[in-house]
Amino acid sequence: GSGMFFAVTVVTAGFGLTVSTLCAAIGQGMLAGKAMEGIARQPEAAARIQTAMLLGLAFIESLVIYVLLVAFILLFANPFRAVFAG
């Protein structure tokens, strides 16, 4: 019934946030590590590398924010509630 639907919604939102945050953390760590390697190899290009790194970090973080938005929609304004809660 309604309780089961709510439980599945909470688990789905939590799982989505967990996976997206984990993947984003791994991606951000790899990006920062490669940027540091690039700066160590070519210190004169540090400003350009840092700019590209910050832009990449912003894109990666925006994906997690989109997942958070979807999780909030599922939890608080679920469009499927009328269909499944009957």
PDB file of N, CA and C in Angstrom:
ATOM      1  N   GLY A   1       0.800  -1.186   0.000  1.00  0.00           N
ATOM      2  CA  GLY A   1       0.000   0.000   0.000  1.00  0.00           C
ATOM      3  C   GLY A   1       0.839   1.243   0.000  1.00  0.00           C
ATOM      4  N   SER A   2       0.302   2.228   0.653  1.00  0.00           N
ATOM      5  CA  SER A   2       0.925   3.541   0.684  1.00  0.00           C
ATOM      6  C   SER A   2       2.253   3.523   1.442  1.00  0.00           C
ATOM      7  N   GLY A   3       2.314   2.754   2.526  1.00  0.00           N
ATOM      8  CA  GLY A   3       3.552   2.667   3.301  1.00  0.00           C
ATOM      9  C   GLY A   3       4.675   2.039   2.516  1.00  0.00           C
ATOM     10  N   MET A   4       4.369   1.010   1.769  1.00  0.00           N
ATOM     11  CA  MET A   4       5.386   0.345   0.944  1.00  0.00           C
ATOM     12  C   MET A   4       5.886   1.274  -0.155  1.00  0.00           C
ATOM     13  N   PHE A   5       4.960   2.030  -0.747  1.00  0.00           N
ATOM     14  CA  PHE A   5       5.344   2.978  -1.790  1.00  0.00           C
ATOM     15  C   PHE A   5       6.292   4.032  -1.223  1.00  0.00           C
ATOM     16  N   PHE A   6       5.971   4.545  -0.036  1.00  0.00           N
ATOM     17  CA  PHE A   6       6.838   5.550   0.586  1.00  0.00           C
ATOM     18  C   PHE A   6       8.205   4.957   0.904  1.00  0.00           C
ATOM     19  N   ALA A   7       8.255   3.732   1.400  1.00  0.00           N
ATOM     20  CA  ALA A   7       9.525   3.089   1.722  1.00  0.00           C
ATOM     21  C   ALA A   7      10.382   2.901   0.468  1.00  0.00           C
ATOM     22  N   VAL A   8       9.771   2.458  -0.612  1.00  0.00           N
ATOM     23  CA  VAL A   8      10.511   2.277  -1.864  1.00  0.00           C
ATOM     24  C   VAL A   8      11.011   3.624  -2.390  1.00  0.00           C
ATOM     25  N   THR A   9      10.210   4.662  -2.245  1.00  0.00           N
ATOM     26  CA  THR A   9      10.619   5.992  -2.684  1.00  0.00           C
ATOM     27  C   THR A   9      11.822   6.477  -1.888  1.00  0.00           C
ATOM     28  N   VAL A  10      11.805   6.293  -0.581  1.00  0.00           N
ATOM     29  CA  VAL A  10      12.921   6.726   0.259  1.00  0.00           C
ATOM     30  C   VAL A  10      14.184   5.944  -0.077  1.00  0.00           C
ATOM     31  N   VAL A  11      14.071   4.646  -0.259  1.00  0.00           N
ATOM     32  CA  VAL A  11      15.233   3.824  -0.610  1.00  0.00           C
ATOM     33  C   VAL A  11      15.784   4.235  -1.973  1.00  0.00           C
ATOM     34  N   THR A  12      14.905   4.486  -2.921  1.00  0.00           N
ATOM     35  CA  THR A  12      15.340   4.902  -4.258  1.00  0.00           C
ATOM     36  C   THR A  12      16.068   6.236  -4.213  1.00  0.00           C
ATOM     37  N   ALA A  13      15.512   7.194  -3.504  1.00  0.00           N
ATOM     38  CA  ALA A  13      16.158   8.505  -3.391  1.00  0.00           C
ATOM     39  C   ALA A  13      17.504   8.386  -2.683  1.00  0.00           C
ATOM     40  N   GLY A  14      17.550   7.622  -1.612  1.00  0.00           N
ATOM     41  CA  GLY A  14      18.808   7.441  -0.888  1.00  0.00           C
ATOM     42  C   GLY A  14      19.860   6.724  -1.710  1.00  0.00           C
ATOM     43  N   PHE A  15      19.450   5.705  -2.450  1.00  0.00           N
ATOM     44  CA  PHE A  15      20.391   4.972  -3.295  1.00  0.00           C
ATOM     45  C   PHE A  15      20.929   5.869  -4.409  1.00  0.00           C
ATOM     46  N   GLY A  16      20.045   6.647  -5.024  1.00  0.00           N
ATOM     47  CA  GLY A  16      20.484   7.554  -6.082  1.00  0.00           C
ATOM     48  C   GLY A  16      21.479   8.581  -5.588  1.00  0.00           C
ATOM     49  N   LEU A  17      21.217   9.145  -4.415  1.00  0.00           N
ATOM     50  CA  LEU A  17      22.148  10.119  -3.851  1.00  0.00           C
ATOM     51  C   LEU A  17      23.478   9.476  -3.483  1.00  0.00           C
ATOM     52  N   THR A  18      23.420   8.276  -2.935  1.00  0.00           N
ATOM     53  CA  THR A  18      24.647   7.587  -2.548  1.00  0.00           C
ATOM     54  C   THR A  18      25.520   7.288  -3.756  1.00  0.00           C
ATOM     55  N   VAL A  19      24.933   6.740  -4.786  1.00  0.00           N
ATOM     56  CA  VAL A  19      25.704   6.393  -5.986  1.00  0.00           C
ATOM     57  C   VAL A  19      26.265   7.638  -6.663  1.00  0.00           C
ATOM     58  N   SER A  20      25.445   8.671  -6.810  1.00  0.00           N
ATOM     59  CA  SER A  20      25.926   9.874  -7.489  1.00  0.00           C
ATOM     60  C   SER A  20      27.014  10.572  -6.691  1.00  0.00           C
ATOM     61  N   THR A  21      26.884  10.606  -5.364  1.00  0.00           N
ATOM     62  CA  THR A  21      27.902  11.241  -4.542  1.00  0.00           C
ATOM     63  C   THR A  21      29.207  10.452  -4.587  1.00  0.00           C
ATOM     64  N   LEU A  22      29.117   9.143  -4.534  1.00  0.00           N
ATOM     65  CA  LEU A  22      30.313   8.310  -4.604  1.00  0.00           C
ATOM     66  C   LEU A  22      31.034   8.498  -5.942  1.00  0.00           C
ATOM     67  N   CYS A  23      30.285   8.456  -7.014  1.00  0.00           N
ATOM     68  CA  CYS A  23      30.893   8.633  -8.345  1.00  0.00           C
ATOM     69  C   CYS A  23      31.486  10.029  -8.505  1.00  0.00           C
ATOM     70  N   ALA A  24      30.791  11.037  -8.000  1.00  0.00           N
ATOM     71  CA  ALA A  24      31.312  12.399  -8.097  1.00  0.00           C
ATOM     72  C   ALA A  24      32.581  12.558  -7.274  1.00  0.00           C
ATOM     73  N   ALA A  25      32.630  11.960  -6.093  1.00  0.00           N
ATOM     74  CA  ALA A  25      33.828  12.050  -5.256  1.00  0.00           C
ATOM     75  C   ALA A  25      35.019  11.386  -5.935  1.00  0.00           C
ATOM     76  N   ILE A  26      34.792  10.237  -6.537  1.00  0.00           N
ATOM     77  CA  ILE A  26      35.869   9.558  -7.262  1.00  0.00           C
ATOM     78  C   ILE A  26      36.338  10.409  -8.439  1.00  0.00           C
ATOM     79  N   GLY A  27      35.390  10.953  -9.192  1.00  0.00           N
ATOM     80  CA  GLY A  27      35.739  11.798 -10.338  1.00  0.00           C
ATOM     81  C   GLY A  27      36.474  13.064  -9.929  1.00  0.00           C
ATOM     82  N   GLN A  28      36.031  13.680  -8.845  1.00  0.00           N
ATOM     83  CA  GLN A  28      36.701  14.896  -8.385  1.00  0.00           C
ATOM     84  C   GLN A  28      38.116  14.594  -7.897  1.00  0.00           C
ATOM     85  N   GLY A  29      38.281  13.474  -7.222  1.00  0.00           N
ATOM     86  CA  GLY A  29      39.622  13.096  -6.775  1.00  0.00           C
ATOM     87  C   GLY A  29      40.563  12.829  -7.941  1.00  0.00           C
ATOM     88  N   MET A  30      40.049  12.129  -8.941  1.00  0.00           N
ATOM     89  CA  MET A  30      40.874  11.854 -10.127  1.00  0.00           C
ATOM     90  C   MET A  30      41.222  13.152 -10.851  1.00  0.00           C
ATOM     91  N   LEU A  31      40.247  14.045 -10.979  1.00  0.00           N
ATOM     92  CA  LEU A  31      40.472  15.316 -11.657  1.00  0.00           C
ATOM     93  C   LEU A  31      41.513  16.154 -10.930  1.00  0.00           C
ATOM     94  N   ALA A  32      41.396  16.250  -9.623  1.00  0.00           N
ATOM     95  CA  ALA A  32      42.359  17.043  -8.856  1.00  0.00           C
ATOM     96  C   ALA A  32      43.756  16.420  -8.928  1.00  0.00           C
ATOM     97  N   GLY A  33      43.826  15.099  -8.857  1.00  0.00           N
ATOM     98  CA  GLY A  33      45.122  14.432  -8.947  1.00  0.00           C
ATOM     99  C   GLY A  33      45.801  14.658 -10.285  1.00  0.00           C
ATOM    100  N   LYS A  34      45.038  14.537 -11.353  1.00  0.00           N
ATOM    101  CA  LYS A  34      45.615  14.753 -12.688  1.00  0.00           C
ATOM    102  C   LYS A  34      46.006  16.217 -12.885  1.00  0.00           C
ATOM    103  N   ALA A  35      45.229  17.124 -12.319  1.00  0.00           N
ATOM    104  CA  ALA A  35      45.577  18.545 -12.419  1.00  0.00           C
ATOM    105  C   ALA A  35      46.882  18.827 -11.678  1.00  0.00           C
ATOM    106  N   MET A  36      47.052  18.219 -10.517  1.00  0.00           N
ATOM    107  CA  MET A  36      48.306  18.419  -9.773  1.00  0.00           C
ATOM    108  C   MET A  36      49.492  17.841 -10.538  1.00  0.00           C
ATOM    109  N   GLU A  37      49.281  16.695 -11.184  1.00  0.00           N
ATOM    110  CA  GLU A  37      50.352  16.121 -12.002  1.00  0.00           C
ATOM    111  C   GLU A  37      50.696  17.058 -13.160  1.00  0.00           C
ATOM    112  N   GLY A  38      49.672  17.613 -13.796  1.00  0.00           N
ATOM    113  CA  GLY A  38      49.914  18.534 -14.901  1.00  0.00           C
ATOM    114  C   GLY A  38      50.645  19.792 -14.462  1.00  0.00           C
ATOM    115  N   ILE A  39      50.278  20.316 -13.301  1.00  0.00           N
ATOM    116  CA  ILE A  39      50.955  21.512 -12.789  1.00  0.00           C
ATOM    117  C   ILE A  39      52.396  21.184 -12.412  1.00  0.00           C
ATOM    118  N   ALA A  40      52.624  19.995 -11.874  1.00  0.00           N
ATOM    119  CA  ALA A  40      53.997  19.607 -11.515  1.00  0.00           C
ATOM    120  C   ALA A  40      54.868  19.467 -12.756  1.00  0.00           C
ATOM    121  N   ARG A  41      54.278  19.006 -13.846  1.00  0.00           N
ATOM    122  CA  ARG A  41      55.055  18.837 -15.087  1.00  0.00           C
ATOM    123  C   ARG A  41      55.272  20.155 -15.817  1.00  0.00           C
ATOM    124  N   GLN A  42      54.271  21.036 -15.786  1.00  0.00           N
ATOM    125  CA  GLN A  42      54.381  22.320 -16.473  1.00  0.00           C
ATOM    126  C   GLN A  42      53.873  23.439 -15.564  1.00  0.00           C
ATOM    127  N   PRO A  43      54.721  23.906 -14.674  1.00  0.00           N
ATOM    128  CA  PRO A  43      54.287  24.942 -13.731  1.00  0.00           C
ATOM    129  C   PRO A  43      53.823  26.231 -14.415  1.00  0.00           C
ATOM    130  N   GLU A  44      54.346  26.503 -15.598  1.00  0.00           N
ATOM    131  CA  GLU A  44      53.947  27.733 -16.297  1.00  0.00           C
ATOM    132  C   GLU A  44      52.504  27.663 -16.792  1.00  0.00           C
ATOM    133  N   ALA A  45      51.932  26.483 -16.877  1.00  0.00           N
ATOM    134  CA  ALA A  45      50.541  26.325 -17.324  1.00  0.00           C
ATOM    135  C   ALA A  45      49.577  26.166 -16.143  1.00  0.00           C
ATOM    136  N   ALA A  46      50.022  26.485 -14.948  1.00  0.00           N
ATOM    137  CA  ALA A  46      49.211  26.263 -13.752  1.00  0.00           C
ATOM    138  C   ALA A  46      47.881  27.010 -13.797  1.00  0.00           C
ATOM    139  N   ALA A  47      47.892  28.236 -14.270  1.00  0.00           N
ATOM    140  CA  ALA A  47      46.649  29.024 -14.290  1.00  0.00           C
ATOM    141  C   ALA A  47      45.617  28.398 -15.227  1.00  0.00           C
ATOM    142  N   ARG A  48      46.047  27.971 -16.402  1.00  0.00           N
ATOM    143  CA  ARG A  48      45.116  27.354 -17.354  1.00  0.00           C
ATOM    144  C   ARG A  48      44.609  26.015 -16.848  1.00  0.00           C
ATOM    145  N   ILE A  49      45.484  25.247 -16.235  1.00  0.00           N
ATOM    146  CA  ILE A  49      45.079  23.943 -15.699  1.00  0.00           C
ATOM    147  C   ILE A  49      44.092  24.130 -14.553  1.00  0.00           C
ATOM    148  N   GLN A  50      44.380  25.106 -13.687  1.00  0.00           N
ATOM    149  CA  GLN A  50      43.491  25.348 -12.555  1.00  0.00           C
ATOM    150  C   GLN A  50      42.118  25.812 -13.020  1.00  0.00           C
ATOM    151  N   THR A  51      42.068  26.658 -14.039  1.00  0.00           N
ATOM    152  CA  THR A  51      40.787  27.120 -14.570  1.00  0.00           C
ATOM    153  C   THR A  51      39.977  25.958 -15.135  1.00  0.00           C
ATOM    154  N   ALA A  52      40.634  25.108 -15.916  1.00  0.00           N
ATOM    155  CA  ALA A  52      39.948  23.949 -16.486  1.00  0.00           C
ATOM    156  C   ALA A  52      39.503  22.987 -15.388  1.00  0.00           C
ATOM    157  N   MET A  53      40.319  22.824 -14.343  1.00  0.00           N
ATOM    158  CA  MET A  53      39.967  21.940 -13.242  1.00  0.00           C
ATOM    159  C   MET A  53      38.729  22.465 -12.503  1.00  0.00           C
ATOM    160  N   LEU A  54      38.684  23.753 -12.226  1.00  0.00           N
ATOM    161  CA  LEU A  54      37.536  24.313 -11.514  1.00  0.00           C
ATOM    162  C   LEU A  54      36.259  24.205 -12.340  1.00  0.00           C
ATOM    163  N   LEU A  55      36.364  24.390 -13.638  1.00  0.00           N
ATOM    164  CA  LEU A  55      35.199  24.230 -14.506  1.00  0.00           C
ATOM    165  C   LEU A  55      34.723  22.775 -14.499  1.00  0.00           C
ATOM    166  N   GLY A  56      35.658  21.841 -14.570  1.00  0.00           N
ATOM    167  CA  GLY A  56      35.303  20.421 -14.502  1.00  0.00           C
ATOM    168  C   GLY A  56      34.676  20.050 -13.176  1.00  0.00           C
ATOM    169  N   LEU A  57      35.211  20.582 -12.078  1.00  0.00           N
ATOM    170  CA  LEU A  57      34.630  20.312 -10.763  1.00  0.00           C
ATOM    171  C   LEU A  57      33.205  20.844 -10.661  1.00  0.00           C
ATOM    172  N   ALA A  58      32.967  22.006 -11.243  1.00  0.00           N
ATOM    173  CA  ALA A  58      31.610  22.571 -11.216  1.00  0.00           C
ATOM    174  C   ALA A  58      30.638  21.690 -11.988  1.00  0.00           C
ATOM    175  N   PHE A  59      31.064  21.170 -13.131  1.00  0.00           N
ATOM    176  CA  PHE A  59      30.193  20.281 -13.909  1.00  0.00           C
ATOM    177  C   PHE A  59      29.913  18.980 -13.160  1.00  0.00           C
ATOM    178  N   ILE A  60      30.933  18.424 -12.534  1.00  0.00           N
ATOM    179  CA  ILE A  60      30.745  17.185 -11.781  1.00  0.00           C
ATOM    180  C   ILE A  60      29.785  17.420 -10.623  1.00  0.00           C
ATOM    181  N   GLU A  61      29.967  18.513  -9.907  1.00  0.00           N
ATOM    182  CA  GLU A  61      29.117  18.795  -8.750  1.00  0.00           C
ATOM    183  C   GLU A  61      27.684  19.099  -9.170  1.00  0.00           C
ATOM    184  N   SER A  62      27.506  19.684 -10.355  1.00  0.00           N
ATOM    185  CA  SER A  62      26.143  19.984 -10.811  1.00  0.00           C
ATOM    186  C   SER A  62      25.343  18.700 -11.038  1.00  0.00           C
ATOM    187  N   LEU A  63      25.998  17.629 -11.429  1.00  0.00           N
ATOM    188  CA  LEU A  63      25.292  16.362 -11.606  1.00  0.00           C
ATOM    189  C   LEU A  63      24.735  15.847 -10.283  1.00  0.00           C
ATOM    190  N   VAL A  64      25.491  16.002  -9.200  1.00  0.00           N
ATOM    191  CA  VAL A  64      25.012  15.583  -7.882  1.00  0.00           C
ATOM    192  C   VAL A  64      23.837  16.457  -7.446  1.00  0.00           C
ATOM    193  N   ILE A  65      23.897  17.730  -7.763  1.00  0.00           N
ATOM    194  CA  ILE A  65      22.791  18.631  -7.414  1.00  0.00           C
ATOM    195  C   ILE A  65      21.527  18.248  -8.179  1.00  0.00           C
ATOM    196  N   TYR A  66      21.666  17.828  -9.432  1.00  0.00           N
ATOM    197  CA  TYR A  66      20.495  17.360 -10.188  1.00  0.00           C
ATOM    198  C   TYR A  66      19.890  16.119  -9.549  1.00  0.00           C
ATOM    199  N   VAL A  67      20.732  15.195  -9.089  1.00  0.00           N
ATOM    200  CA  VAL A  67      20.221  13.996  -8.427  1.00  0.00           C
ATOM    201  C   VAL A  67      19.530  14.378  -7.116  1.00  0.00           C
ATOM    202  N   LEU A  68      20.092  15.341  -6.401  1.00  0.00           N
ATOM    203  CA  LEU A  68      19.455  15.810  -5.175  1.00  0.00           C
ATOM    204  C   LEU A  68      18.082  16.404  -5.477  1.00  0.00           C
ATOM    205  N   LEU A  69      17.976  17.149  -6.562  1.00  0.00           N
ATOM    206  CA  LEU A  69      16.691  17.716  -6.964  1.00  0.00           C
ATOM    207  C   LEU A  69      15.674  16.619  -7.281  1.00  0.00           C
ATOM    208  N   VAL A  70      16.100  15.598  -8.005  1.00  0.00           N
ATOM    209  CA  VAL A  70      15.204  14.487  -8.318  1.00  0.00           C
ATOM    210  C   VAL A  70      14.788  13.762  -7.042  1.00  0.00           C
ATOM    211  N   ALA A  71      15.723  13.587  -6.103  1.00  0.00           N
ATOM    212  CA  ALA A  71      15.391  12.936  -4.835  1.00  0.00           C
ATOM    213  C   ALA A  71      14.369  13.753  -4.058  1.00  0.00           C
ATOM    214  N   PHE A  72      14.526  15.078  -4.025  1.00  0.00           N
ATOM    215  CA  PHE A  72      13.545  15.929  -3.350  1.00  0.00           C
ATOM    216  C   PHE A  72      12.175  15.828  -4.013  1.00  0.00           C
ATOM    217  N   ILE A  73      12.162  15.778  -5.335  1.00  0.00           N
ATOM    218  CA  ILE A  73      10.884  15.638  -6.041  1.00  0.00           C
ATOM    219  C   ILE A  73      10.234  14.307  -5.681  1.00  0.00           C
ATOM    220  N   LEU A  74      11.022  13.241  -5.657  1.00  0.00           N
ATOM    221  CA  LEU A  74      10.466  11.928  -5.300  1.00  0.00           C
ATOM    222  C   LEU A  74       9.947  11.897  -3.864  1.00  0.00           C
ATOM    223  N   LEU A  75      10.639  12.576  -2.963  1.00  0.00           N
ATOM    224  CA  LEU A  75      10.249  12.523  -1.558  1.00  0.00           C
ATOM    225  C   LEU A  75       9.079  13.442  -1.213  1.00  0.00           C
ATOM    226  N   PHE A  76       9.043  14.639  -1.798  1.00  0.00           N
ATOM    227  CA  PHE A  76       8.080  15.634  -1.345  1.00  0.00           C
ATOM    228  C   PHE A  76       6.971  15.970  -2.351  1.00  0.00           C
ATOM    229  N   ALA A  77       7.206  15.767  -3.624  1.00  0.00           N
ATOM    230  CA  ALA A  77       6.190  16.086  -4.627  1.00  0.00           C
ATOM    231  C   ALA A  77       6.126  14.963  -5.646  1.00  0.00           C
ATOM    232  N   ASN A  78       6.017  13.761  -5.161  1.00  0.00           N
ATOM    233  CA  ASN A  78       6.122  12.580  -6.012  1.00  0.00           C
ATOM    234  C   ASN A  78       4.980  12.538  -7.041  1.00  0.00           C
ATOM    235  N   PRO A  79       5.320  12.601  -8.317  1.00  0.00           N
ATOM    236  CA  PRO A  79       4.276  12.559  -9.348  1.00  0.00           C
ATOM    237  C   PRO A  79       3.647  11.180  -9.513  1.00  0.00           C
ATOM    238  N   PHE A  80       4.275  10.145  -8.967  1.00  0.00           N
ATOM    239  CA  PHE A  80       3.754   8.787  -9.093  1.00  0.00           C
ATOM    240  C   PHE A  80       2.842   8.390  -7.926  1.00  0.00           C
ATOM    241  N   ARG A  81       2.698   9.272  -6.942  1.00  0.00           N
ATOM    242  CA  ARG A  81       1.915   8.955  -5.754  1.00  0.00           C
ATOM    243  C   ARG A  81       0.476   8.620  -6.105  1.00  0.00           C
ATOM    244  N   ALA A  82      -0.128   9.384  -6.993  1.00  0.00           N
ATOM    245  CA  ALA A  82      -1.527   9.163  -7.363  1.00  0.00           C
ATOM    246  C   ALA A  82      -1.708   7.827  -8.089  1.00  0.00           C
ATOM    247  N   VAL A  83      -0.710   7.417  -8.838  1.00  0.00           N
ATOM    248  CA  VAL A  83      -0.819   6.177  -9.610  1.00  0.00           C
ATOM    249  C   VAL A  83      -0.696   4.949  -8.703  1.00  0.00           C
ATOM    250  N   PHE A  84       0.318   4.959  -7.815  1.00  0.00           N
ATOM    251  CA  PHE A  84       0.624   3.777  -7.037  1.00  0.00           C
ATOM    252  C   PHE A  84      -0.044   3.717  -5.671  1.00  0.00           C
ATOM    253  N   ALA A  85      -0.377   4.864  -5.098  1.00  0.00           N
ATOM    254  CA  ALA A  85      -0.992   4.863  -3.772  1.00  0.00           C
ATOM    255  C   ALA A  85      -2.475   4.560  -3.845  1.00  0.00           C
ATOM    256  N   GLY A  86      -3.011   4.722  -5.020  1.00  0.00           N
ATOM    257  CA  GLY A  86      -4.372   4.335  -5.303  1.00  0.00           C
ATOM    258  C   GLY A  86      -5.380   4.980  -4.445  1.00  0.00           C
TER     259      GLY A  86
END
